[in-house]
């Protein structure tokens, strides 16, 4: 729900906090709206107030939701392998080697650059720098990724991911011959203390990661596995 919105406070909404009122009226998170209030995108009777401002009857609230696109994220004509698309979501087969959204070291050639060239309708729920992005895949991982075009879709997918209602299944080729036909690996994964772009199994500053695998095929020097991710840790 980008653009300008104007509300006049009725008696039923009197004494409500400004941020809570806006959460009820707009399809954005409370944190996003609180930040918008602090940054001056929201005004009450023409004045910038705090998120905790208590509304009065006949107050006029003006809200400007800034557009999703920013100069730092440029649309790029990059082909997309679209599996499915409707008014709420886009399901894409992301190729290996493509970063999902711009970040240090990868400001162009990302999936988001391609998406902005494909459509202007992306949910702003995930922030102005990651419109439409609900989840991600690592750069060197290919596979299905779901993009939210509408805010309703973003909230629904986020809830399903949070409640672990989404099953993530991968096929991966690993070095050596895995002897077990299947197993579960439970290990804490955290960021490398020196190489901040890398992750490792560590006891400190880490989070529990659970991975289930089964062998699909064995080769002389490799094993093809089917892997199910129960937790979604970075580089798991």
Foldseek 3Di string as FASTA:
>chain_A
DAAKDKDADAPVQFFAFQLVVVVVVDLEDSVVVQVQLVVPQKAWVNHRDHRRDTHDGRIMMMGGHDALDDPQQAADQDDWAWPDDDQWKTKTFAAAQAFAFDDVPDSDRHVVSPVVNVDSQFDCRVHSRRTQAQDGDDNRDTGIGMGTRDSVSSVVVNVCVVVQVDKDKDKDKDWAFDPDQKDKDKFWKAADPPPRVDIDGDPPRTDIWIKIWGFDDDDPTITIIMIITSDDDVPD
